[in-house]
Structure formats: structure tokens, C-alpha cells
Amino acid sequence: MSVLVTGASTGIGRASALLLAKEGFTVYAGVRKEADAEALGPGVVPVLLDVTDGEQIAAAGERIGRLDALVNNAGIGVTGPVEFVPLEALRRQYEVNVFGQVALTQVMLPKLRASKGRVVTVGSVGSWITLPFGGPLCSSKHAIRSLNDALRMELRPFGVAAVLIEPGSIHTDAVDKLEDELEPRLASLGAEGRRLYGAAYRTMVAGGLREERAGSSPEVVARAVLHALTARRPRSRYPVGRKSRLMSTLGRVVPQYTLDRLRLRALGLS
């Protein structure tokens, strides 16, 4: 079976690409840099693929022949107060996490329809429970969850399954990147934004870092991806990793103001 995994340079994408290759898949690993392609080793077929680049998406579609599965994993995380988050950063959040995934899926669907394959999208429990200062990232995950719901029903008549993976706390390189980006992101808020939200934002980031560093390994998510691709009847959603079931359940059943208090307290913001 052949599979295209996007965002395969690090973290969940890398773990998924390597596990699938080990399990006998022909893996096309979407990366943005030649150096990342070399670091993956000889077990996968690297494909230069920025999901916001239409030409690279088209080239990937032409290069790949038969395709049995697409794993939409590429993503970025923008955080900050909604009042002051730079609009260009918000647009970039959606270009990568939403529009890029849809654009790639559209190009690959004729191949997947021919093979009666599968689309597996890596979302987040953040689609169920938005955190303060996490509006940009969490809202993009809300959007991709909704789009996946529509896709799942639309593709069913063609024998193509659309599955959503919903990780909870996962310890990846992105955790350290968030810490490195703290000061630049604070600077982007401007003086008034820092005055109003700076202390709370720092507290949120510190709390978030503690949670993620105590999270599950990316390999846990990779195993869920493998199951979604190989199960005779894959589940529609796979909550996976530390606190994934708890967070998605809280987001659906707890009254909103109560949930607000729980979220703020958990991040040291109450």
C-alpha cells in the first residue's frame, strides 16, 4: 500500500512515516527542506511539499501514481490574544492547517477514489476545548474537524473512509519551538497588547509547556494512524495520547462557564 504523509520532517508526521515504512507501506514523506528529506533515511520516498504552495501540490499529484492513503498532518500553531493577534499570523494559521489540507486532499482524491483508499487527518482535542490565547490554533482545528465530518459523509458512497485523529498532550519538538517563540510573539502584540495580556500569556505558555512536556510520545499517535489505515472498519475519530479522552469529553458535556473556570485554573489564570 502507498501512503502520502505530510509534515513528515518532525514529530507526529516523522513518527508516522517511519512506522508505516517499517510496516511495509510505500511511504511518500512530505517535507519542506532537502535536509529534512535526508534525515528521514532511505526507508521512505521524500517529496518536497509545502501544503500552501499550489505548484508543489500539483507536482506531488503528478509524481505519485497509485495512492492508497493520505495522512494530512502538516500544521503550525499560532497563539495569542484574539484582540491583538496579527491578522497575517491568523491567516497563515488557516492557510496551513485548513486551506492547505483541503487543497492537497482535493488533488489526491481522484487517486484515493480509484483505490478506495483512506484520508486520515491529524486534528486535535483542541477542536473540542479551546484554551485562552489558543484561539487561532484551536479554531483551525474546529474548522478541520467540521470539514472532515462533511468529507466522511461525502466520500462514503465511493468506498473512501475519512478518519480524524485527535491527539491530546503530545511531547514533540513543537513544544520547545513554542518556548523559543514566546518573546517574538509577545513583541508582535505591541506595547498595549503586552500591557493588557503579557503576564497572562506568559503564564498560559508556561502551563501549556508543562502539560505538553508531560505528554505522550509521537509514536502513540503514529500507532493510531496505522490502525486507522489498516483496520477493516476504522473508527471515525481516534482520541489518542495523554488526556485526550478527558479533554474531548469535558468540552462536550461540561457547562461552558464551569469549563471556563476549569481551563483558567489549570493554566494558573484563575
C-alpha atoms as a PDB file:
ATOM      1  CA  MET A   1       0.000   0.000   0.000  1.00  0.00           C
ATOM      2  CA  SER A   2       1.168   3.527  -0.753  1.00  0.00           C
ATOM      3  CA  VAL A   3       0.628   6.496   1.556  1.00  0.00           C
ATOM      4  CA  LEU A   4       1.497  10.195   1.492  1.00  0.00           C
ATOM      5  CA  VAL A   5       2.264  11.697   4.909  1.00  0.00           C
ATOM      6  CA  THR A   6       2.530  15.488   5.115  1.00  0.00           C
ATOM      7  CA  GLY A   7       4.574  17.354   7.697  1.00  0.00           C
ATOM      8  CA  ALA A   8       6.925  14.376   7.952  1.00  0.00           C
ATOM      9  CA  SER A   9      10.044  16.304   8.964  1.00  0.00           C
ATOM     10  CA  THR A  10       9.480  16.052  12.721  1.00  0.00           C
ATOM     11  CA  GLY A  11       7.108  14.948  15.456  1.00  0.00           C
ATOM     12  CA  ILE A  12       3.928  13.062  14.624  1.00  0.00           C
ATOM     13  CA  GLY A  13       4.499  13.145  10.868  1.00  0.00           C
ATOM     14  CA  ARG A  14       8.018  11.749  11.121  1.00  0.00           C
ATOM     15  CA  ALA A  15       6.963   9.046  13.593  1.00  0.00           C
ATOM     16  CA  SER A  16       4.043   8.065  11.356  1.00  0.00           C
ATOM     17  CA  ALA A  17       6.137   7.945   8.176  1.00  0.00           C
ATOM     18  CA  LEU A  18       8.814   5.766   9.798  1.00  0.00           C
ATOM     19  CA  LEU A  19       6.311   3.395  11.417  1.00  0.00           C
ATOM     20  CA  LEU A  20       4.332   2.946   8.217  1.00  0.00           C
ATOM     21  CA  ALA A  21       7.522   2.256   6.260  1.00  0.00           C
ATOM     22  CA  LYS A  22       8.513  -0.326   8.874  1.00  0.00           C
ATOM     23  CA  GLU A  23       5.091  -1.961   8.454  1.00  0.00           C
ATOM     24  CA  GLY A  24       5.613  -2.366   4.719  1.00  0.00           C
ATOM     25  CA  PHE A  25       3.912   0.706   3.267  1.00  0.00           C
ATOM     26  CA  THR A  26       5.417   2.609   0.378  1.00  0.00           C
ATOM     27  CA  VAL A  27       5.687   5.970   2.130  1.00  0.00           C
ATOM     28  CA  TYR A  28       5.855   9.319   0.373  1.00  0.00           C
ATOM     29  CA  ALA A  29       7.028  11.712   3.074  1.00  0.00           C
ATOM     30  CA  GLY A  30       6.116  15.356   2.552  1.00  0.00           C
ATOM     31  CA  VAL A  31       8.905  17.663   3.734  1.00  0.00           C
ATOM     32  CA  ARG A  32       9.760  21.306   3.117  1.00  0.00           C
ATOM     33  CA  LYS A  33      13.567  21.088   3.036  1.00  0.00           C
ATOM     34  CA  GLU A  34      16.111  18.820   1.374  1.00  0.00           C
ATOM     35  CA  ALA A  35      17.905  18.401   4.706  1.00  0.00           C
ATOM     36  CA  ASP A  36      14.720  17.039   6.275  1.00  0.00           C
ATOM     37  CA  ALA A  37      14.389  14.552   3.430  1.00  0.00           C
ATOM     38  CA  GLU A  38      17.905  13.249   4.031  1.00  0.00           C
ATOM     39  CA  ALA A  39      17.311  12.953   7.771  1.00  0.00           C
ATOM     40  CA  LEU A  40      14.406  10.556   7.229  1.00  0.00           C
ATOM     41  CA  GLY A  41      16.721   7.912   5.802  1.00  0.00           C
ATOM     42  CA  PRO A  42      16.311   5.504   2.890  1.00  0.00           C
ATOM     43  CA  GLY A  43      13.105   3.812   4.038  1.00  0.00           C
ATOM     44  CA  VAL A  44      10.780   6.489   2.665  1.00  0.00           C
ATOM     45  CA  VAL A  45      10.381   8.454  -0.559  1.00  0.00           C
ATOM     46  CA  PRO A  46      10.790  12.163   0.226  1.00  0.00           C
ATOM     47  CA  VAL A  47       8.549  14.661  -1.563  1.00  0.00           C
ATOM     48  CA  LEU A  48       9.158  18.400  -1.324  1.00  0.00           C
ATOM     49  CA  LEU A  49       5.742  19.584  -0.281  1.00  0.00           C
ATOM     50  CA  ASP A  50       4.605  22.834   1.282  1.00  0.00           C
ATOM     51  CA  VAL A  51       0.828  22.485   1.531  1.00  0.00           C
ATOM     52  CA  THR A  52       0.416  26.225   0.956  1.00  0.00           C
ATOM     53  CA  ASP A  53       2.254  26.001  -2.388  1.00  0.00           C
ATOM     54  CA  GLY A  54      -0.108  25.105  -5.213  1.00  0.00           C
ATOM     55  CA  GLU A  55       2.718  24.249  -7.603  1.00  0.00           C
ATOM     56  CA  GLN A  56       4.279  21.800  -5.160  1.00  0.00           C
ATOM     57  CA  ILE A  57       0.891  20.187  -4.533  1.00  0.00           C
ATOM     58  CA  ALA A  58       0.337  19.775  -8.274  1.00  0.00           C
ATOM     59  CA  ALA A  59       3.839  18.351  -8.722  1.00  0.00           C
ATOM     60  CA  ALA A  60       3.226  15.824  -5.935  1.00  0.00           C
ATOM     61  CA  GLY A  61      -0.003  14.786  -7.621  1.00  0.00           C
ATOM     62  CA  GLU A  62       1.831  14.188 -10.891  1.00  0.00           C
ATOM     63  CA  ARG A  63       4.732  12.354  -9.264  1.00  0.00           C
ATOM     64  CA  ILE A  64       2.670   9.914  -7.206  1.00  0.00           C
ATOM     65  CA  GLY A  65       0.939   7.204  -9.184  1.00  0.00           C
ATOM     66  CA  ARG A  66      -1.305   4.889  -7.219  1.00  0.00           C
ATOM     67  CA  LEU A  67      -2.204   6.197  -3.778  1.00  0.00           C
ATOM     68  CA  ASP A  68      -3.989   4.184  -1.103  1.00  0.00           C
ATOM     69  CA  ALA A  69      -3.943   6.707   1.718  1.00  0.00           C
ATOM     70  CA  LEU A  70      -3.320  10.342   2.551  1.00  0.00           C
ATOM     71  CA  VAL A  71      -2.265  11.387   6.049  1.00  0.00           C
ATOM     72  CA  ASN A  72      -2.898  15.118   6.492  1.00  0.00           C
ATOM     73  CA  ASN A  73      -0.545  16.025   9.294  1.00  0.00           C
ATOM     74  CA  ALA A  74       1.172  19.282   8.282  1.00  0.00           C
ATOM     75  CA  GLY A  75       0.314  22.075  10.684  1.00  0.00           C
ATOM     76  CA  ILE A  76       1.512  25.064  12.678  1.00  0.00           C
ATOM     77  CA  GLY A  77       0.395  26.598  15.968  1.00  0.00           C
ATOM     78  CA  VAL A  78      -0.290  30.311  16.396  1.00  0.00           C
ATOM     79  CA  THR A  79      -1.192  31.581  19.863  1.00  0.00           C
ATOM     80  CA  GLY A  80      -2.046  34.969  21.311  1.00  0.00           C
ATOM     81  CA  PRO A  81      -4.952  37.149  22.444  1.00  0.00           C
ATOM     82  CA  VAL A  82      -7.614  37.495  19.759  1.00  0.00           C
ATOM     83  CA  GLU A  83      -7.638  41.269  20.233  1.00  0.00           C
ATOM     84  CA  PHE A  84      -4.012  41.653  19.218  1.00  0.00           C
ATOM     85  CA  VAL A  85      -3.022  38.568  17.218  1.00  0.00           C
ATOM     86  CA  PRO A  86      -1.564  39.862  13.916  1.00  0.00           C
ATOM     87  CA  LEU A  87      -4.020  39.134  11.133  1.00  0.00           C
ATOM     88  CA  GLU A  88      -1.251  37.890   8.870  1.00  0.00           C
ATOM     89  CA  ALA A  89      -0.388  35.296  11.542  1.00  0.00           C
ATOM     90  CA  LEU A  90      -4.048  34.269  11.789  1.00  0.00           C
ATOM     91  CA  ARG A  91      -4.266  33.944   8.017  1.00  0.00           C
ATOM     92  CA  ARG A  92      -1.100  31.843   7.988  1.00  0.00           C
ATOM     93  CA  GLN A  93      -2.642  29.578  10.641  1.00  0.00           C
ATOM     94  CA  TYR A  94      -5.584  28.851   8.364  1.00  0.00           C
ATOM     95  CA  GLU A  95      -3.517  28.647   5.177  1.00  0.00           C
ATOM     96  CA  VAL A  96      -1.508  25.755   6.613  1.00  0.00           C
ATOM     97  CA  ASN A  97      -3.963  23.978   8.914  1.00  0.00           C
ATOM     98  CA  VAL A  98      -7.120  24.311   6.830  1.00  0.00           C
ATOM     99  CA  PHE A  99      -6.772  25.575   3.256  1.00  0.00           C
ATOM    100  CA  GLY A 100      -3.538  23.698   2.602  1.00  0.00           C
ATOM    101  CA  GLN A 101      -5.008  20.419   3.814  1.00  0.00           C
ATOM    102  CA  VAL A 102      -8.129  20.880   1.717  1.00  0.00           C
ATOM    103  CA  ALA A 103      -6.093  21.822  -1.375  1.00  0.00           C
ATOM    104  CA  LEU A 104      -3.931  18.700  -1.100  1.00  0.00           C
ATOM    105  CA  THR A 105      -6.916  16.465  -0.399  1.00  0.00           C
ATOM    106  CA  GLN A 106      -8.722  17.781  -3.478  1.00  0.00           C
ATOM    107  CA  VAL A 107      -5.757  16.904  -5.695  1.00  0.00           C
ATOM    108  CA  MET A 108      -5.316  13.419  -4.227  1.00  0.00           C
ATOM    109  CA  LEU A 109      -8.965  12.361  -4.025  1.00  0.00           C
ATOM    110  CA  PRO A 110      -9.240  11.019  -7.595  1.00  0.00           C
ATOM    111  CA  LYS A 111      -6.382   8.630  -6.785  1.00  0.00           C
ATOM    112  CA  LEU A 112      -7.969   7.646  -3.474  1.00  0.00           C
ATOM    113  CA  ARG A 113     -11.342   7.100  -5.099  1.00  0.00           C
ATOM    114  CA  ALA A 114      -9.709   4.791  -7.643  1.00  0.00           C
ATOM    115  CA  SER A 115      -8.048   2.746  -4.887  1.00  0.00           C
ATOM    116  CA  LYS A 116     -10.971   3.025  -2.430  1.00  0.00           C
ATOM    117  CA  GLY A 117      -8.395   4.404  -0.045  1.00  0.00           C
ATOM    118  CA  ARG A 118      -8.439   6.478   3.106  1.00  0.00           C
ATOM    119  CA  VAL A 119      -7.928  10.058   4.216  1.00  0.00           C
ATOM    120  CA  VAL A 120      -6.536  10.330   7.739  1.00  0.00           C
ATOM    121  CA  THR A 121      -6.360  13.820   9.200  1.00  0.00           C
ATOM    122  CA  VAL A 122      -4.453  14.723  12.347  1.00  0.00           C
ATOM    123  CA  GLY A 123      -6.637  17.176  14.264  1.00  0.00           C
ATOM    124  CA  SER A 124      -6.580  17.901  17.990  1.00  0.00           C
ATOM    125  CA  VAL A 125      -8.668  17.673  21.143  1.00  0.00           C
ATOM    126  CA  GLY A 126      -8.361  21.458  20.892  1.00  0.00           C
ATOM    127  CA  SER A 127     -11.243  21.247  18.436  1.00  0.00           C
ATOM    128  CA  TRP A 128     -13.455  20.417  21.433  1.00  0.00           C
ATOM    129  CA  ILE A 129     -11.944  22.581  24.147  1.00  0.00           C
ATOM    130  CA  THR A 130     -10.458  25.976  23.277  1.00  0.00           C
ATOM    131  CA  LEU A 131      -7.803  27.386  25.583  1.00  0.00           C
ATOM    132  CA  PRO A 132      -7.314  31.076  26.395  1.00  0.00           C
ATOM    133  CA  PHE A 133      -4.802  32.545  23.917  1.00  0.00           C
ATOM    134  CA  GLY A 134      -5.245  29.387  21.847  1.00  0.00           C
ATOM    135  CA  GLY A 135      -7.998  30.814  19.659  1.00  0.00           C
ATOM    136  CA  PRO A 136      -6.050  30.794  16.359  1.00  0.00           C
ATOM    137  CA  LEU A 137      -4.840  27.197  16.685  1.00  0.00           C
ATOM    138  CA  CYS A 138      -7.953  25.722  18.291  1.00  0.00           C
ATOM    139  CA  SER A 139     -10.313  27.410  15.840  1.00  0.00           C
ATOM    140  CA  SER A 140      -8.360  25.956  12.915  1.00  0.00           C
ATOM    141  CA  LYS A 141      -8.797  22.518  14.480  1.00  0.00           C
ATOM    142  CA  HIS A 142     -12.536  23.188  14.888  1.00  0.00           C
ATOM    143  CA  ALA A 143     -12.663  24.008  11.183  1.00  0.00           C
ATOM    144  CA  ILE A 144     -10.793  20.906  10.050  1.00  0.00           C
ATOM    145  CA  ARG A 145     -12.971  18.684  12.269  1.00  0.00           C
ATOM    146  CA  SER A 146     -16.106  20.089  10.649  1.00  0.00           C
ATOM    147  CA  LEU A 147     -14.662  19.706   7.154  1.00  0.00           C
ATOM    148  CA  ASN A 148     -13.665  16.127   7.954  1.00  0.00           C
ATOM    149  CA  ASP A 149     -17.223  15.370   9.091  1.00  0.00           C
ATOM    150  CA  ALA A 150     -18.539  16.587   5.738  1.00  0.00           C
ATOM    151  CA  LEU A 151     -15.846  14.711   3.821  1.00  0.00           C
ATOM    152  CA  ARG A 152     -16.570  11.471   5.668  1.00  0.00           C
ATOM    153  CA  MET A 153     -20.212  11.514   4.555  1.00  0.00           C
ATOM    154  CA  GLU A 154     -19.474  12.733   1.028  1.00  0.00           C
ATOM    155  CA  LEU A 155     -16.866  10.046   0.338  1.00  0.00           C
ATOM    156  CA  ARG A 156     -18.746   7.118   1.812  1.00  0.00           C
ATOM    157  CA  PRO A 157     -20.580   6.257  -1.448  1.00  0.00           C
ATOM    158  CA  PHE A 158     -17.184   5.838  -3.150  1.00  0.00           C
ATOM    159  CA  GLY A 159     -15.755   3.496  -0.526  1.00  0.00           C
ATOM    160  CA  VAL A 160     -13.281   6.082   0.752  1.00  0.00           C
ATOM    161  CA  ALA A 161     -13.026   6.473   4.537  1.00  0.00           C
ATOM    162  CA  ALA A 162     -12.193   9.841   6.129  1.00  0.00           C
ATOM    163  CA  VAL A 163     -10.809   9.457   9.650  1.00  0.00           C
ATOM    164  CA  LEU A 164      -9.840  12.060  12.240  1.00  0.00           C
ATOM    165  CA  ILE A 165      -7.014  11.532  14.744  1.00  0.00           C
ATOM    166  CA  GLU A 166      -7.401  13.733  17.847  1.00  0.00           C
ATOM    167  CA  PRO A 167      -4.175  13.912  19.868  1.00  0.00           C
ATOM    168  CA  GLY A 168      -4.134  15.216  23.415  1.00  0.00           C
ATOM    169  CA  SER A 169      -0.860  16.232  25.073  1.00  0.00           C
ATOM    170  CA  ILE A 170       1.992  15.069  22.848  1.00  0.00           C
ATOM    171  CA  HIS A 171       5.649  15.855  23.514  1.00  0.00           C
ATOM    172  CA  THR A 172       7.197  16.892  20.192  1.00  0.00           C
ATOM    173  CA  ASP A 173       9.813  19.384  19.036  1.00  0.00           C
ATOM    174  CA  ALA A 174       6.983  21.900  18.636  1.00  0.00           C
ATOM    175  CA  VAL A 175       6.921  22.251  22.430  1.00  0.00           C
ATOM    176  CA  ASP A 176      10.432  23.676  22.515  1.00  0.00           C
ATOM    177  CA  LYS A 177       9.616  25.823  19.488  1.00  0.00           C
ATOM    178  CA  LEU A 178       6.712  27.406  21.386  1.00  0.00           C
ATOM    179  CA  GLU A 179       9.099  28.380  24.180  1.00  0.00           C
ATOM    180  CA  ASP A 180      11.579  29.858  21.695  1.00  0.00           C
ATOM    181  CA  GLU A 181       8.820  31.880  20.042  1.00  0.00           C
ATOM    182  CA  LEU A 182       7.446  33.374  23.275  1.00  0.00           C
ATOM    183  CA  GLU A 183       9.345  36.651  23.153  1.00  0.00           C
ATOM    184  CA  PRO A 184       8.850  37.273  19.404  1.00  0.00           C
ATOM    185  CA  ARG A 185       5.134  36.641  19.783  1.00  0.00           C
ATOM    186  CA  LEU A 186       4.909  38.993  22.731  1.00  0.00           C
ATOM    187  CA  ALA A 187       6.741  41.613  20.674  1.00  0.00           C
ATOM    188  CA  SER A 188       4.200  41.195  17.855  1.00  0.00           C
ATOM    189  CA  LEU A 189       1.381  42.225  20.212  1.00  0.00           C
ATOM    190  CA  GLY A 190       2.680  45.777  20.548  1.00  0.00           C
ATOM    191  CA  ALA A 191       3.034  47.786  23.735  1.00  0.00           C
ATOM    192  CA  GLU A 192      -0.675  47.874  24.577  1.00  0.00           C
ATOM    193  CA  GLY A 193      -1.123  44.170  23.901  1.00  0.00           C
ATOM    194  CA  ARG A 194       1.789  43.340  26.181  1.00  0.00           C
ATOM    195  CA  ARG A 195       0.424  45.635  28.905  1.00  0.00           C
ATOM    196  CA  LEU A 196      -3.011  44.047  28.837  1.00  0.00           C
ATOM    197  CA  TYR A 197      -2.162  40.417  28.192  1.00  0.00           C
ATOM    198  CA  GLY A 198       1.593  39.902  28.584  1.00  0.00           C
ATOM    199  CA  ALA A 199       1.623  38.422  32.087  1.00  0.00           C
ATOM    200  CA  ALA A 200      -1.364  36.145  31.451  1.00  0.00           C
ATOM    201  CA  TYR A 201       0.093  34.993  28.141  1.00  0.00           C
ATOM    202  CA  ARG A 202       3.393  34.093  29.788  1.00  0.00           C
ATOM    203  CA  THR A 203       1.513  32.134  32.450  1.00  0.00           C
ATOM    204  CA  MET A 204      -0.516  30.297  29.815  1.00  0.00           C
ATOM    205  CA  VAL A 205       2.583  29.350  27.837  1.00  0.00           C
ATOM    206  CA  ALA A 206       4.332  28.080  30.976  1.00  0.00           C
ATOM    207  CA  GLY A 207       1.300  25.952  31.884  1.00  0.00           C
ATOM    208  CA  GLY A 208       0.966  24.661  28.351  1.00  0.00           C
ATOM    209  CA  LEU A 209       4.632  23.722  28.206  1.00  0.00           C
ATOM    210  CA  ARG A 210       4.332  21.721  31.425  1.00  0.00           C
ATOM    211  CA  GLU A 211       1.377  19.792  30.006  1.00  0.00           C
ATOM    212  CA  GLU A 212       2.989  19.057  26.660  1.00  0.00           C
ATOM    213  CA  ARG A 213       6.331  18.016  28.130  1.00  0.00           C
ATOM    214  CA  ALA A 214       4.489  15.502  30.280  1.00  0.00           C
ATOM    215  CA  GLY A 215       2.592  14.286  27.229  1.00  0.00           C
ATOM    216  CA  SER A 216       2.702  11.065  25.260  1.00  0.00           C
ATOM    217  CA  SER A 217       5.298  10.354  22.597  1.00  0.00           C
ATOM    218  CA  PRO A 218       4.556  10.952  18.894  1.00  0.00           C
ATOM    219  CA  GLU A 219       4.785   7.192  18.376  1.00  0.00           C
ATOM    220  CA  VAL A 220       1.484   6.819  20.237  1.00  0.00           C
ATOM    221  CA  VAL A 221      -0.207   8.908  17.546  1.00  0.00           C
ATOM    222  CA  ALA A 222       1.662   7.032  14.805  1.00  0.00           C
ATOM    223  CA  ARG A 223       0.169   3.757  16.040  1.00  0.00           C
ATOM    224  CA  ALA A 224      -3.312   5.296  15.872  1.00  0.00           C
ATOM    225  CA  VAL A 225      -2.601   6.371  12.289  1.00  0.00           C
ATOM    226  CA  LEU A 226      -1.510   2.814  11.473  1.00  0.00           C
ATOM    227  CA  HIS A 227      -4.724   1.412  12.946  1.00  0.00           C
ATOM    228  CA  ALA A 228      -6.820   3.924  11.002  1.00  0.00           C
ATOM    229  CA  LEU A 229      -5.148   2.784   7.779  1.00  0.00           C
ATOM    230  CA  THR A 230      -5.291  -0.968   8.374  1.00  0.00           C
ATOM    231  CA  ALA A 231      -8.486  -1.647  10.334  1.00  0.00           C
ATOM    232  CA  ARG A 232     -11.238  -3.225   8.259  1.00  0.00           C
ATOM    233  CA  ARG A 233     -13.677  -0.714   9.735  1.00  0.00           C
ATOM    234  CA  PRO A 234     -11.734   2.279  11.076  1.00  0.00           C
ATOM    235  CA  ARG A 235     -13.352   4.448  13.696  1.00  0.00           C
ATOM    236  CA  SER A 236     -14.498   7.902  12.639  1.00  0.00           C
ATOM    237  CA  ARG A 237     -12.327   9.513  15.344  1.00  0.00           C
ATOM    238  CA  TYR A 238      -9.337   8.395  17.380  1.00  0.00           C
ATOM    239  CA  PRO A 239      -8.702  10.371  20.592  1.00  0.00           C
ATOM    240  CA  VAL A 240      -5.130   9.431  21.444  1.00  0.00           C
ATOM    241  CA  GLY A 241      -2.447  10.444  23.900  1.00  0.00           C
ATOM    242  CA  ARG A 242      -2.429  11.892  27.395  1.00  0.00           C
ATOM    243  CA  LYS A 243      -5.764  13.432  28.490  1.00  0.00           C
ATOM    244  CA  SER A 244      -7.278  13.144  25.003  1.00  0.00           C
ATOM    245  CA  ARG A 245     -10.477  11.404  26.086  1.00  0.00           C
ATOM    246  CA  LEU A 246     -10.841  13.555  29.191  1.00  0.00           C
ATOM    247  CA  MET A 247     -10.436  16.831  27.294  1.00  0.00           C
ATOM    248  CA  SER A 248     -12.777  15.945  24.450  1.00  0.00           C
ATOM    249  CA  THR A 249     -15.410  14.702  26.917  1.00  0.00           C
ATOM    250  CA  LEU A 250     -15.161  17.829  29.094  1.00  0.00           C
ATOM    251  CA  GLY A 251     -15.539  20.007  26.023  1.00  0.00           C
ATOM    252  CA  ARG A 252     -18.791  18.290  25.102  1.00  0.00           C
ATOM    253  CA  VAL A 253     -20.563  17.785  28.433  1.00  0.00           C
ATOM    254  CA  VAL A 254     -19.442  20.413  30.971  1.00  0.00           C
ATOM    255  CA  PRO A 255     -21.384  23.724  31.060  1.00  0.00           C
ATOM    256  CA  GLN A 256     -19.358  26.478  29.435  1.00  0.00           C
ATOM    257  CA  TYR A 257     -18.831  28.797  32.398  1.00  0.00           C
ATOM    258  CA  THR A 258     -17.812  25.852  34.562  1.00  0.00           C
ATOM    259  CA  LEU A 259     -15.467  24.744  31.816  1.00  0.00           C
ATOM    260  CA  ASP A 260     -14.030  28.276  31.615  1.00  0.00           C
ATOM    261  CA  ARG A 261     -13.144  28.150  35.302  1.00  0.00           C
ATOM    262  CA  LEU A 262     -11.542  24.718  34.941  1.00  0.00           C
ATOM    263  CA  ARG A 263      -9.447  25.834  31.979  1.00  0.00           C
ATOM    264  CA  LEU A 264      -8.271  29.027  33.650  1.00  0.00           C
ATOM    265  CA  ARG A 265      -7.420  27.225  36.878  1.00  0.00           C
ATOM    266  CA  ALA A 266      -5.489  24.503  35.022  1.00  0.00           C
ATOM    267  CA  LEU A 267      -3.327  27.154  33.352  1.00  0.00           C
ATOM    268  CA  GLY A 268      -2.796  29.184  36.524  1.00  0.00           C
ATOM    269  CA  LEU A 269      -5.002  32.028  35.288  1.00  0.00           C
ATOM    270  CA  SER A 270      -7.871  31.852  37.772  1.00  0.00           C
END
